[in-house]
């Protein structure tokens, strides 16, 4: 159904929230809607949790980011390469050959939403849950080492989990230090501040995606990690939220060192293209170092070993370091 007809039909619905939901259903297509609803409960998926990201010249950071998320329970990565000129493809090649990464070269300016939309269309039936995050964001399970356990604890009608940023600063580094990002930068913003969010979704329940969260849900609730429903306004962007951080959070290493921030400005980003926004003023505003937080130290040994090796089964690394094996590996994933 085209947008005009959907708008005309839904104009007579008095509730703004219901009107938007019905409009999205009509745009999605009634046949598609009922097919998804009929099949969802019995579907099995090749992957339980996957990540989609678009990256440009992130070679120095890729292995740590991939291996951390594998330790935390991510099964598959859909990587869109936005014209990288560094060694990104070389670094990713072993992961591509191992079936861990699906690689897509994706040229052009301001391509983040277009890449996300492509991923949603291609892979909505390949993975039960799909996260859209950036290369400076790490999804951290707090009470457990498994993101899957966080997702499995959500109510069955949850279609979108919102997790809040925890912004980390430069930790006093003007130049890039040797070693892992998660070990070099341990100072962050204070607790209790409003946060920007990122989403993990059941991709079949959405017909379009956004960078931070998604309002085009066909069915199901948007929830926090406690399963509490979050009502997103239909006509505007919500302000930063105060979400619980005791089960999952997004460690956002936005600043790193000033040297790295300048390199980020030079290459720009996939959402806005030009890197003009990465100014020293903005760096200083976001350079949160108020709280020392060692939460990532528990991953240090396993992560350092994983980064040093060629990609292999996560369980091999986990056994050698005392971490849990990756949940659900080696078999199709079904259930919540």
C-alpha atoms as a PDB file:
ATOM      1  CA  UNK A   1       0.000   0.000   0.000  1.00  0.00           C
ATOM      2  CA  UNK A   2       1.398   3.414  -0.908  1.00  0.00           C
ATOM      3  CA  UNK A   3       2.006   6.091   1.694  1.00  0.00           C
ATOM      4  CA  UNK A   4      -0.838   8.354   0.558  1.00  0.00           C
ATOM      5  CA  UNK A   5      -3.494   5.657   0.817  1.00  0.00           C
ATOM      6  CA  UNK A   6      -2.164   4.531   4.205  1.00  0.00           C
ATOM      7  CA  UNK A   7      -2.329   8.109   5.491  1.00  0.00           C
ATOM      8  CA  UNK A   8      -5.910   8.555   4.243  1.00  0.00           C
ATOM      9  CA  UNK A   9      -7.148   5.338   5.867  1.00  0.00           C
ATOM     10  CA  UNK A  10      -5.428   6.045   9.190  1.00  0.00           C
ATOM     11  CA  UNK A  11      -6.542   9.688   9.350  1.00  0.00           C
ATOM     12  CA  UNK A  12      -9.818   8.577  10.963  1.00  0.00           C
ATOM     13  CA  UNK A  13      -8.143   6.776  13.879  1.00  0.00           C
ATOM     14  CA  UNK A  14      -8.439   9.067  16.947  1.00  0.00           C
ATOM     15  CA  UNK A  15      -5.383   7.820  18.880  1.00  0.00           C
ATOM     16  CA  UNK A  16      -2.111   9.265  17.582  1.00  0.00           C
ATOM     17  CA  UNK A  17      -0.122   6.264  18.787  1.00  0.00           C
ATOM     18  CA  UNK A  18      -2.518   3.718  17.255  1.00  0.00           C
ATOM     19  CA  UNK A  19      -2.756   5.790  14.077  1.00  0.00           C
ATOM     20  CA  UNK A  20       1.013   5.664  13.632  1.00  0.00           C
ATOM     21  CA  UNK A  21       1.126   1.917  14.347  1.00  0.00           C
ATOM     22  CA  UNK A  22      -1.592   1.175  11.791  1.00  0.00           C
ATOM     23  CA  UNK A  23       0.046   3.450   9.235  1.00  0.00           C
ATOM     24  CA  UNK A  24       3.292   1.526   9.625  1.00  0.00           C
ATOM     25  CA  UNK A  25       1.460  -1.801   9.281  1.00  0.00           C
ATOM     26  CA  UNK A  26      -0.235  -0.660   6.061  1.00  0.00           C
ATOM     27  CA  UNK A  27       3.056   0.597   4.643  1.00  0.00           C
ATOM     28  CA  UNK A  28       4.704  -2.687   5.576  1.00  0.00           C
ATOM     29  CA  UNK A  29       1.902  -4.548   3.771  1.00  0.00           C
ATOM     30  CA  UNK A  30      -0.910  -6.557   5.338  1.00  0.00           C
ATOM     31  CA  UNK A  31       0.219  -9.805   3.711  1.00  0.00           C
ATOM     32  CA  UNK A  32       3.763  -9.270   4.967  1.00  0.00           C
ATOM     33  CA  UNK A  33       2.440  -8.381   8.416  1.00  0.00           C
ATOM     34  CA  UNK A  34       0.328 -11.507   8.850  1.00  0.00           C
ATOM     35  CA  UNK A  35       3.083 -13.700   7.384  1.00  0.00           C
ATOM     36  CA  UNK A  36       5.595 -12.388   9.910  1.00  0.00           C
ATOM     37  CA  UNK A  37       3.154 -12.725  12.807  1.00  0.00           C
ATOM     38  CA  UNK A  38       2.234 -16.280  11.823  1.00  0.00           C
ATOM     39  CA  UNK A  39       5.824 -17.415  11.398  1.00  0.00           C
ATOM     40  CA  UNK A  40       7.621 -15.522  14.169  1.00  0.00           C
ATOM     41  CA  UNK A  41       6.933 -17.858  17.077  1.00  0.00           C
ATOM     42  CA  UNK A  42       8.132 -20.931  15.195  1.00  0.00           C
ATOM     43  CA  UNK A  43      11.079 -19.472  13.324  1.00  0.00           C
ATOM     44  CA  UNK A  44      14.579 -20.770  13.792  1.00  0.00           C
ATOM     45  CA  UNK A  45      17.522 -18.581  12.972  1.00  0.00           C
ATOM     46  CA  UNK A  46      21.055 -19.250  11.884  1.00  0.00           C
ATOM     47  CA  UNK A  47      22.214 -16.656  14.413  1.00  0.00           C
ATOM     48  CA  UNK A  48      20.788 -15.488  17.718  1.00  0.00           C
ATOM     49  CA  UNK A  49      22.468 -12.067  17.944  1.00  0.00           C
ATOM     50  CA  UNK A  50      24.176 -10.182  15.123  1.00  0.00           C
ATOM     51  CA  UNK A  51      25.673  -6.728  14.737  1.00  0.00           C
ATOM     52  CA  UNK A  52      25.521  -4.350  11.785  1.00  0.00           C
ATOM     53  CA  UNK A  53      28.109  -1.575  11.489  1.00  0.00           C
ATOM     54  CA  UNK A  54      29.434   0.765   8.843  1.00  0.00           C
ATOM     55  CA  UNK A  55      33.091   1.710   9.139  1.00  0.00           C
ATOM     56  CA  UNK A  56      35.740   3.797   7.444  1.00  0.00           C
ATOM     57  CA  UNK A  57      39.457   3.399   8.193  1.00  0.00           C
ATOM     58  CA  UNK A  58      38.852   1.635  11.508  1.00  0.00           C
ATOM     59  CA  UNK A  59      41.590  -0.953  10.920  1.00  0.00           C
ATOM     60  CA  UNK A  60      43.489  -0.350  14.193  1.00  0.00           C
ATOM     61  CA  UNK A  61      40.339  -1.004  16.238  1.00  0.00           C
ATOM     62  CA  UNK A  62      38.548  -3.782  14.373  1.00  0.00           C
ATOM     63  CA  UNK A  63      40.019  -6.890  16.017  1.00  0.00           C
ATOM     64  CA  UNK A  64      39.400  -5.687  19.552  1.00  0.00           C
ATOM     65  CA  UNK A  65      35.845  -4.637  18.721  1.00  0.00           C
ATOM     66  CA  UNK A  66      35.046  -7.933  16.983  1.00  0.00           C
ATOM     67  CA  UNK A  67      36.665 -10.165  19.573  1.00  0.00           C
ATOM     68  CA  UNK A  68      35.088  -8.392  22.518  1.00  0.00           C
ATOM     69  CA  UNK A  69      31.625  -8.773  21.057  1.00  0.00           C
ATOM     70  CA  UNK A  70      32.286 -12.420  20.230  1.00  0.00           C
ATOM     71  CA  UNK A  71      33.243 -13.000  23.863  1.00  0.00           C
ATOM     72  CA  UNK A  72      30.051 -11.201  24.889  1.00  0.00           C
ATOM     73  CA  UNK A  73      27.861 -13.462  22.732  1.00  0.00           C
ATOM     74  CA  UNK A  74      27.546 -11.950  19.240  1.00  0.00           C
ATOM     75  CA  UNK A  75      27.387 -14.633  16.538  1.00  0.00           C
ATOM     76  CA  UNK A  76      27.630 -12.678  13.282  1.00  0.00           C
ATOM     77  CA  UNK A  77      28.793  -9.286  12.009  1.00  0.00           C
ATOM     78  CA  UNK A  78      27.494  -7.500   8.920  1.00  0.00           C
ATOM     79  CA  UNK A  79      30.225  -5.000   8.109  1.00  0.00           C
ATOM     80  CA  UNK A  80      29.749  -2.239   5.542  1.00  0.00           C
ATOM     81  CA  UNK A  81      33.087  -0.764   4.459  1.00  0.00           C
ATOM     82  CA  UNK A  82      32.595   2.913   3.592  1.00  0.00           C
ATOM     83  CA  UNK A  83      35.575   3.299   1.229  1.00  0.00           C
ATOM     84  CA  UNK A  84      38.325   2.480   3.706  1.00  0.00           C
ATOM     85  CA  UNK A  85      41.835   3.245   2.479  1.00  0.00           C
ATOM     86  CA  UNK A  86      43.670   1.542   5.348  1.00  0.00           C
ATOM     87  CA  UNK A  87      44.135  -2.200   5.996  1.00  0.00           C
ATOM     88  CA  UNK A  88      40.524  -2.812   7.032  1.00  0.00           C
ATOM     89  CA  UNK A  89      39.895  -5.488   4.382  1.00  0.00           C
ATOM     90  CA  UNK A  90      43.144  -7.290   5.227  1.00  0.00           C
ATOM     91  CA  UNK A  91      42.249  -7.383   8.922  1.00  0.00           C
ATOM     92  CA  UNK A  92      38.718  -8.590   8.209  1.00  0.00           C
ATOM     93  CA  UNK A  93      39.705 -11.263   5.694  1.00  0.00           C
ATOM     94  CA  UNK A  94      40.283 -14.091   8.226  1.00  0.00           C
ATOM     95  CA  UNK A  95      36.904 -13.299   9.820  1.00  0.00           C
ATOM     96  CA  UNK A  96      35.261 -13.295   6.401  1.00  0.00           C
ATOM     97  CA  UNK A  97      36.832 -16.658   5.545  1.00  0.00           C
ATOM     98  CA  UNK A  98      35.700 -18.060   8.933  1.00  0.00           C
ATOM     99  CA  UNK A  99      32.110 -16.971   8.283  1.00  0.00           C
ATOM    100  CA  UNK A 100      32.121 -14.576  11.239  1.00  0.00           C
ATOM    101  CA  UNK A 101      31.925 -11.406   9.127  1.00  0.00           C
ATOM    102  CA  UNK A 102      29.838 -10.741   6.036  1.00  0.00           C
ATOM    103  CA  UNK A 103      31.625  -7.931   4.228  1.00  0.00           C
ATOM    104  CA  UNK A 104      30.056  -5.368   1.905  1.00  0.00           C
ATOM    105  CA  UNK A 105      31.957  -2.542   0.224  1.00  0.00           C
ATOM    106  CA  UNK A 106      29.638   0.450   0.466  1.00  0.00           C
ATOM    107  CA  UNK A 107      30.891   3.717  -1.119  1.00  0.00           C
ATOM    108  CA  UNK A 108      29.510   7.224  -0.879  1.00  0.00           C
ATOM    109  CA  UNK A 109      28.914  10.043   1.576  1.00  0.00           C
ATOM    110  CA  UNK A 110      26.376   9.940   4.423  1.00  0.00           C
ATOM    111  CA  UNK A 111      25.599   6.281   3.891  1.00  0.00           C
ATOM    112  CA  UNK A 112      24.869   5.036   7.401  1.00  0.00           C
ATOM    113  CA  UNK A 113      21.085   4.799   7.124  1.00  0.00           C
ATOM    114  CA  UNK A 114      21.290   3.347   3.612  1.00  0.00           C
ATOM    115  CA  UNK A 115      23.679   0.634   4.797  1.00  0.00           C
ATOM    116  CA  UNK A 116      21.485  -0.126   7.812  1.00  0.00           C
ATOM    117  CA  UNK A 117      18.415  -0.378   5.559  1.00  0.00           C
ATOM    118  CA  UNK A 118      20.229  -2.777   3.252  1.00  0.00           C
ATOM    119  CA  UNK A 119      21.194  -4.950   6.198  1.00  0.00           C
ATOM    120  CA  UNK A 120      17.651  -4.966   7.552  1.00  0.00           C
ATOM    121  CA  UNK A 121      16.216  -6.092   4.220  1.00  0.00           C
ATOM    122  CA  UNK A 122      18.821  -8.771   3.564  1.00  0.00           C
ATOM    123  CA  UNK A 123      19.193 -10.326   7.006  1.00  0.00           C
ATOM    124  CA  UNK A 124      15.911  -9.950   8.895  1.00  0.00           C
ATOM    125  CA  UNK A 125      15.344 -13.713   8.715  1.00  0.00           C
ATOM    126  CA  UNK A 126      18.959 -14.703   9.395  1.00  0.00           C
ATOM    127  CA  UNK A 127      19.175 -13.538  13.001  1.00  0.00           C
ATOM    128  CA  UNK A 128      16.721 -13.340  15.876  1.00  0.00           C
ATOM    129  CA  UNK A 129      18.189 -10.091  17.223  1.00  0.00           C
ATOM    130  CA  UNK A 130      20.166  -7.433  15.354  1.00  0.00           C
ATOM    131  CA  UNK A 131      22.098  -4.522  16.878  1.00  0.00           C
ATOM    132  CA  UNK A 132      23.139  -1.370  15.012  1.00  0.00           C
ATOM    133  CA  UNK A 133      26.213   0.136  16.658  1.00  0.00           C
ATOM    134  CA  UNK A 134      29.363   2.050  15.772  1.00  0.00           C
ATOM    135  CA  UNK A 135      32.995   1.032  16.007  1.00  0.00           C
ATOM    136  CA  UNK A 136      33.547   3.109  19.136  1.00  0.00           C
ATOM    137  CA  UNK A 137      30.643   1.423  20.928  1.00  0.00           C
ATOM    138  CA  UNK A 138      30.903  -1.775  22.968  1.00  0.00           C
ATOM    139  CA  UNK A 139      27.748  -3.566  24.155  1.00  0.00           C
ATOM    140  CA  UNK A 140      28.623  -4.695  27.665  1.00  0.00           C
ATOM    141  CA  UNK A 141      26.589  -7.249  29.628  1.00  0.00           C
ATOM    142  CA  UNK A 142      26.933  -6.187  33.254  1.00  0.00           C
ATOM    143  CA  UNK A 143      25.499  -8.942  35.476  1.00  0.00           C
ATOM    144  CA  UNK A 144      26.565 -11.755  33.151  1.00  0.00           C
ATOM    145  CA  UNK A 145      29.109 -12.224  30.378  1.00  0.00           C
ATOM    146  CA  UNK A 146      26.377 -13.015  27.868  1.00  0.00           C
ATOM    147  CA  UNK A 147      24.307 -10.545  25.892  1.00  0.00           C
ATOM    148  CA  UNK A 148      22.105 -13.474  24.983  1.00  0.00           C
ATOM    149  CA  UNK A 149      21.087 -13.904  28.620  1.00  0.00           C
ATOM    150  CA  UNK A 150      20.035 -10.262  28.713  1.00  0.00           C
ATOM    151  CA  UNK A 151      17.859 -10.732  25.633  1.00  0.00           C
ATOM    152  CA  UNK A 152      16.388 -14.049  26.765  1.00  0.00           C
ATOM    153  CA  UNK A 153      15.191 -12.400  29.994  1.00  0.00           C
ATOM    154  CA  UNK A 154      13.041  -9.877  28.100  1.00  0.00           C
ATOM    155  CA  UNK A 155       9.269 -10.391  27.787  1.00  0.00           C
ATOM    156  CA  UNK A 156       8.223 -12.363  24.671  1.00  0.00           C
ATOM    157  CA  UNK A 157       6.510  -9.335  23.133  1.00  0.00           C
ATOM    158  CA  UNK A 158       9.649  -7.186  23.257  1.00  0.00           C
ATOM    159  CA  UNK A 159      10.776  -6.183  19.765  1.00  0.00           C
ATOM    160  CA  UNK A 160      13.343  -3.512  20.631  1.00  0.00           C
ATOM    161  CA  UNK A 161      15.754  -3.197  23.543  1.00  0.00           C
ATOM    162  CA  UNK A 162      17.208   0.233  24.231  1.00  0.00           C
ATOM    163  CA  UNK A 163      20.560   0.416  26.007  1.00  0.00           C
ATOM    164  CA  UNK A 164      22.134   3.651  27.204  1.00  0.00           C
ATOM    165  CA  UNK A 165      25.545   5.085  26.470  1.00  0.00           C
ATOM    166  CA  UNK A 166      28.244   5.304  29.093  1.00  0.00           C
ATOM    167  CA  UNK A 167      30.600   7.875  27.571  1.00  0.00           C
ATOM    168  CA  UNK A 168      34.332   7.412  28.206  1.00  0.00           C
ATOM    169  CA  UNK A 169      36.895  10.189  27.974  1.00  0.00           C
ATOM    170  CA  UNK A 170      40.541  10.516  27.019  1.00  0.00           C
ATOM    171  CA  UNK A 171      41.838   9.367  30.420  1.00  0.00           C
ATOM    172  CA  UNK A 172      44.444  12.102  30.002  1.00  0.00           C
ATOM    173  CA  UNK A 173      45.893  10.802  26.717  1.00  0.00           C
ATOM    174  CA  UNK A 174      46.845  13.418  24.156  1.00  0.00           C
ATOM    175  CA  UNK A 175      48.387  10.824  21.817  1.00  0.00           C
ATOM    176  CA  UNK A 176      47.255   7.302  21.065  1.00  0.00           C
ATOM    177  CA  UNK A 177      48.703   4.821  23.594  1.00  0.00           C
ATOM    178  CA  UNK A 178      49.703   1.256  22.753  1.00  0.00           C
ATOM    179  CA  UNK A 179      47.335  -1.536  23.690  1.00  0.00           C
ATOM    180  CA  UNK A 180      43.574  -2.034  23.784  1.00  0.00           C
ATOM    181  CA  UNK A 181      41.016   0.743  23.816  1.00  0.00           C
ATOM    182  CA  UNK A 182      39.108  -0.977  26.604  1.00  0.00           C
ATOM    183  CA  UNK A 183      42.206  -1.009  28.800  1.00  0.00           C
ATOM    184  CA  UNK A 184      43.600   2.420  27.924  1.00  0.00           C
ATOM    185  CA  UNK A 185      40.410   4.347  28.610  1.00  0.00           C
ATOM    186  CA  UNK A 186      38.851   3.585  31.998  1.00  0.00           C
ATOM    187  CA  UNK A 187      37.433   6.953  33.026  1.00  0.00           C
ATOM    188  CA  UNK A 188      33.899   7.895  32.126  1.00  0.00           C
ATOM    189  CA  UNK A 189      30.881  10.083  32.745  1.00  0.00           C
ATOM    190  CA  UNK A 190      29.169  10.094  36.168  1.00  0.00           C
ATOM    191  CA  UNK A 191      26.292   7.734  36.899  1.00  0.00           C
ATOM    192  CA  UNK A 192      22.730   8.949  36.653  1.00  0.00           C
ATOM    193  CA  UNK A 193      23.092  11.386  33.749  1.00  0.00           C
ATOM    194  CA  UNK A 194      20.649  11.271  30.816  1.00  0.00           C
ATOM    195  CA  UNK A 195      22.000   9.052  28.053  1.00  0.00           C
ATOM    196  CA  UNK A 196      21.775   8.673  24.333  1.00  0.00           C
ATOM    197  CA  UNK A 197      20.703   5.150  23.392  1.00  0.00           C
ATOM    198  CA  UNK A 198      21.280   2.399  20.856  1.00  0.00           C
ATOM    199  CA  UNK A 199      18.878  -0.375  19.889  1.00  0.00           C
ATOM    200  CA  UNK A 200      18.895  -4.142  19.562  1.00  0.00           C
ATOM    201  CA  UNK A 201      15.864  -5.204  17.532  1.00  0.00           C
ATOM    202  CA  UNK A 202      13.982  -8.175  16.184  1.00  0.00           C
ATOM    203  CA  UNK A 203      14.514  -7.051  12.583  1.00  0.00           C
ATOM    204  CA  UNK A 204      11.383  -8.664  11.157  1.00  0.00           C
ATOM    205  CA  UNK A 205       9.284  -6.314  13.287  1.00  0.00           C
ATOM    206  CA  UNK A 206      10.555  -3.144  11.592  1.00  0.00           C
ATOM    207  CA  UNK A 207      10.327  -1.856   8.036  1.00  0.00           C
ATOM    208  CA  UNK A 208      12.930   0.890   8.471  1.00  0.00           C
ATOM    209  CA  UNK A 209      15.704   1.713  10.910  1.00  0.00           C
ATOM    210  CA  UNK A 210      17.351   4.762  12.411  1.00  0.00           C
ATOM    211  CA  UNK A 211      20.766   5.313  13.938  1.00  0.00           C
ATOM    212  CA  UNK A 212      19.818   5.321  17.621  1.00  0.00           C
ATOM    213  CA  UNK A 213      16.358   3.745  17.937  1.00  0.00           C
ATOM    214  CA  UNK A 214      13.417   2.791  15.743  1.00  0.00           C
ATOM    215  CA  UNK A 215       9.793   3.892  15.793  1.00  0.00           C
ATOM    216  CA  UNK A 216       8.557   1.954  12.746  1.00  0.00           C
ATOM    217  CA  UNK A 217       7.703  -1.129  14.791  1.00  0.00           C
ATOM    218  CA  UNK A 218       5.099  -3.423  13.246  1.00  0.00           C
ATOM    219  CA  UNK A 219       4.402  -5.322  16.416  1.00  0.00           C
ATOM    220  CA  UNK A 220       5.868  -5.579  19.878  1.00  0.00           C
ATOM    221  CA  UNK A 221       7.182  -3.290  22.577  1.00  0.00           C
ATOM    222  CA  UNK A 222      10.235  -1.129  23.018  1.00  0.00           C
ATOM    223  CA  UNK A 223      11.696  -1.974  26.426  1.00  0.00           C
ATOM    224  CA  UNK A 224      14.639  -1.347  28.709  1.00  0.00           C
ATOM    225  CA  UNK A 225      16.797  -4.163  30.070  1.00  0.00           C
ATOM    226  CA  UNK A 226      14.330  -4.778  32.906  1.00  0.00           C
ATOM    227  CA  UNK A 227      11.551  -5.394  30.376  1.00  0.00           C
ATOM    228  CA  UNK A 228       9.785  -2.122  31.212  1.00  0.00           C
ATOM    229  CA  UNK A 229       8.026  -0.643  28.202  1.00  0.00           C
ATOM    230  CA  UNK A 230       9.344   2.647  26.821  1.00  0.00           C
ATOM    231  CA  UNK A 231       6.815   4.804  24.987  1.00  0.00           C
ATOM    232  CA  UNK A 232       8.560   6.692  22.206  1.00  0.00           C
ATOM    233  CA  UNK A 233       6.847   9.899  21.027  1.00  0.00           C
ATOM    234  CA  UNK A 234       5.451   9.531  17.521  1.00  0.00           C
ATOM    235  CA  UNK A 235       5.992  13.121  16.397  1.00  0.00           C
ATOM    236  CA  UNK A 236       9.433  14.077  17.732  1.00  0.00           C
ATOM    237  CA  UNK A 237      12.759  12.745  18.927  1.00  0.00           C
ATOM    238  CA  UNK A 238      12.774  11.818  22.604  1.00  0.00           C
ATOM    239  CA  UNK A 239      15.304  13.532  24.851  1.00  0.00           C
ATOM    240  CA  UNK A 240      18.231  11.564  26.322  1.00  0.00           C
ATOM    241  CA  UNK A 241      16.943   8.944  28.735  1.00  0.00           C
ATOM    242  CA  UNK A 242      17.913   7.584  32.133  1.00  0.00           C
ATOM    243  CA  UNK A 243      17.970   3.845  31.492  1.00  0.00           C
ATOM    244  CA  UNK A 244      18.979   1.104  33.912  1.00  0.00           C
ATOM    245  CA  UNK A 245      22.635   0.161  33.524  1.00  0.00           C
ATOM    246  CA  UNK A 246      22.806  -2.886  35.774  1.00  0.00           C
ATOM    247  CA  UNK A 247      22.186  -5.434  32.987  1.00  0.00           C
ATOM    248  CA  UNK A 248      23.514  -3.907  29.757  1.00  0.00           C
ATOM    249  CA  UNK A 249      25.129  -0.676  28.701  1.00  0.00           C
ATOM    250  CA  UNK A 250      26.928   0.770  25.698  1.00  0.00           C
ATOM    251  CA  UNK A 251      30.495   1.798  26.513  1.00  0.00           C
ATOM    252  CA  UNK A 252      31.013   4.678  24.099  1.00  0.00           C
ATOM    253  CA  UNK A 253      34.677   5.486  23.528  1.00  0.00           C
ATOM    254  CA  UNK A 254      33.896   8.658  21.625  1.00  0.00           C
ATOM    255  CA  UNK A 255      36.975  10.714  22.430  1.00  0.00           C
ATOM    256  CA  UNK A 256      39.936   8.400  22.956  1.00  0.00           C
ATOM    257  CA  UNK A 257      43.064  10.569  22.699  1.00  0.00           C
ATOM    258  CA  UNK A 258      43.123  14.004  21.067  1.00  0.00           C
ATOM    259  CA  UNK A 259      45.383  12.572  18.362  1.00  0.00           C
ATOM    260  CA  UNK A 260      42.792   9.916  17.488  1.00  0.00           C
ATOM    261  CA  UNK A 261      40.006  12.471  17.588  1.00  0.00           C
ATOM    262  CA  UNK A 262      41.819  14.569  15.003  1.00  0.00           C
ATOM    263  CA  UNK A 263      42.175  11.534  12.742  1.00  0.00           C
ATOM    264  CA  UNK A 264      38.465  10.928  13.124  1.00  0.00           C
ATOM    265  CA  UNK A 265      37.806  14.492  12.035  1.00  0.00           C
ATOM    266  CA  UNK A 266      39.981  13.984   8.958  1.00  0.00           C
ATOM    267  CA  UNK A 267      38.065  10.933   7.761  1.00  0.00           C
ATOM    268  CA  UNK A 268      34.561  12.128   8.710  1.00  0.00           C
ATOM    269  CA  UNK A 269      31.807   9.657   9.514  1.00  0.00           C
ATOM    270  CA  UNK A 270      29.234   7.566   7.694  1.00  0.00           C
ATOM    271  CA  UNK A 271      26.269   9.532   9.003  1.00  0.00           C
ATOM    272  CA  UNK A 272      27.285  13.117   8.258  1.00  0.00           C
ATOM    273  CA  UNK A 273      30.199  12.796   5.871  1.00  0.00           C
ATOM    274  CA  UNK A 274      32.524  15.712   6.638  1.00  0.00           C
ATOM    275  CA  UNK A 275      34.313  15.606   9.973  1.00  0.00           C
ATOM    276  CA  UNK A 276      33.826  19.301  10.691  1.00  0.00           C
ATOM    277  CA  UNK A 277      31.938  18.572  13.916  1.00  0.00           C
ATOM    278  CA  UNK A 278      34.961  16.939  15.581  1.00  0.00           C
ATOM    279  CA  UNK A 279      36.327  20.132  17.082  1.00  0.00           C
ATOM    280  CA  UNK A 280      38.478  20.622  20.167  1.00  0.00           C
ATOM    281  CA  UNK A 281      35.492  22.336  21.799  1.00  0.00           C
ATOM    282  CA  UNK A 282      33.300  19.284  21.287  1.00  0.00           C
ATOM    283  CA  UNK A 283      36.134  16.991  22.372  1.00  0.00           C
ATOM    284  CA  UNK A 284      36.475  18.907  25.648  1.00  0.00           C
ATOM    285  CA  UNK A 285      32.699  18.833  26.210  1.00  0.00           C
ATOM    286  CA  UNK A 286      32.551  15.061  25.777  1.00  0.00           C
ATOM    287  CA  UNK A 287      35.853  14.255  27.486  1.00  0.00           C
ATOM    288  CA  UNK A 288      34.280  12.676  30.562  1.00  0.00           C
ATOM    289  CA  UNK A 289      36.839  11.416  33.082  1.00  0.00           C
ATOM    290  CA  UNK A 290      34.945  11.879  36.336  1.00  0.00           C
ATOM    291  CA  UNK A 291      34.605   8.191  37.300  1.00  0.00           C
ATOM    292  CA  UNK A 292      37.259   5.463  37.223  1.00  0.00           C
ATOM    293  CA  UNK A 293      35.532   2.310  35.998  1.00  0.00           C
ATOM    294  CA  UNK A 294      37.401  -1.029  35.759  1.00  0.00           C
ATOM    295  CA  UNK A 295      34.426  -2.986  34.356  1.00  0.00           C
ATOM    296  CA  UNK A 296      36.371  -4.097  31.269  1.00  0.00           C
ATOM    297  CA  UNK A 297      39.298  -5.507  33.224  1.00  0.00           C
ATOM    298  CA  UNK A 298      37.498  -8.832  33.584  1.00  0.00           C
ATOM    299  CA  UNK A 299      37.738  -9.220  29.808  1.00  0.00           C
ATOM    300  CA  UNK A 300      41.366  -8.111  29.504  1.00  0.00           C
ATOM    301  CA  UNK A 301      43.147 -11.478  29.501  1.00  0.00           C
ATOM    302  CA  UNK A 302      40.716 -13.219  27.156  1.00  0.00           C
ATOM    303  CA  UNK A 303      40.521 -10.215  24.872  1.00  0.00           C
ATOM    304  CA  UNK A 304      44.287  -9.769  24.616  1.00  0.00           C
ATOM    305  CA  UNK A 305      44.680 -13.452  23.724  1.00  0.00           C
ATOM    306  CA  UNK A 306      41.856 -13.332  21.172  1.00  0.00           C
ATOM    307  CA  UNK A 307      43.265 -10.230  19.485  1.00  0.00           C
ATOM    308  CA  UNK A 308      46.680 -11.877  19.208  1.00  0.00           C
ATOM    309  CA  UNK A 309      45.302 -14.996  17.507  1.00  0.00           C
ATOM    310  CA  UNK A 310      43.646 -15.684  14.181  1.00  0.00           C
ATOM    311  CA  UNK A 311      39.871 -15.904  14.610  1.00  0.00           C
ATOM    312  CA  UNK A 312      38.630 -19.245  15.836  1.00  0.00           C
ATOM    313  CA  UNK A 313      35.819 -20.633  17.986  1.00  0.00           C
ATOM    314  CA  UNK A 314      35.235 -18.420  20.987  1.00  0.00           C
ATOM    315  CA  UNK A 315      35.080 -21.459  23.234  1.00  0.00           C
ATOM    316  CA  UNK A 316      38.781 -22.129  22.698  1.00  0.00           C
ATOM    317  CA  UNK A 317      39.661 -18.707  24.054  1.00  0.00           C
ATOM    318  CA  UNK A 318      37.099 -18.997  26.827  1.00  0.00           C
ATOM    319  CA  UNK A 319      38.406 -22.322  28.073  1.00  0.00           C
ATOM    320  CA  UNK A 320      41.986 -21.064  28.197  1.00  0.00           C
ATOM    321  CA  UNK A 321      41.044 -17.982  30.197  1.00  0.00           C
ATOM    322  CA  UNK A 322      38.220 -19.199  32.382  1.00  0.00           C
ATOM    323  CA  UNK A 323      35.465 -17.310  30.564  1.00  0.00           C
ATOM    324  CA  UNK A 324      32.175 -18.890  29.589  1.00  0.00           C
ATOM    325  CA  UNK A 325      31.855 -20.333  26.103  1.00  0.00           C
ATOM    326  CA  UNK A 326      29.764 -18.296  23.711  1.00  0.00           C
ATOM    327  CA  UNK A 327      26.101 -19.296  24.272  1.00  0.00           C
ATOM    328  CA  UNK A 328      24.340 -21.114  21.488  1.00  0.00           C
ATOM    329  CA  UNK A 329      27.314 -21.543  19.169  1.00  0.00           C
ATOM    330  CA  UNK A 330      27.269 -24.346  16.660  1.00  0.00           C
ATOM    331  CA  UNK A 331      23.502 -24.780  16.324  1.00  0.00           C
ATOM    332  CA  UNK A 332      20.502 -22.883  15.006  1.00  0.00           C
ATOM    333  CA  UNK A 333      18.997 -20.469  17.519  1.00  0.00           C
ATOM    334  CA  UNK A 334      15.335 -20.471  18.347  1.00  0.00           C
ATOM    335  CA  UNK A 335      13.277 -19.284  21.276  1.00  0.00           C
ATOM    336  CA  UNK A 336      12.986 -15.761  22.696  1.00  0.00           C
END
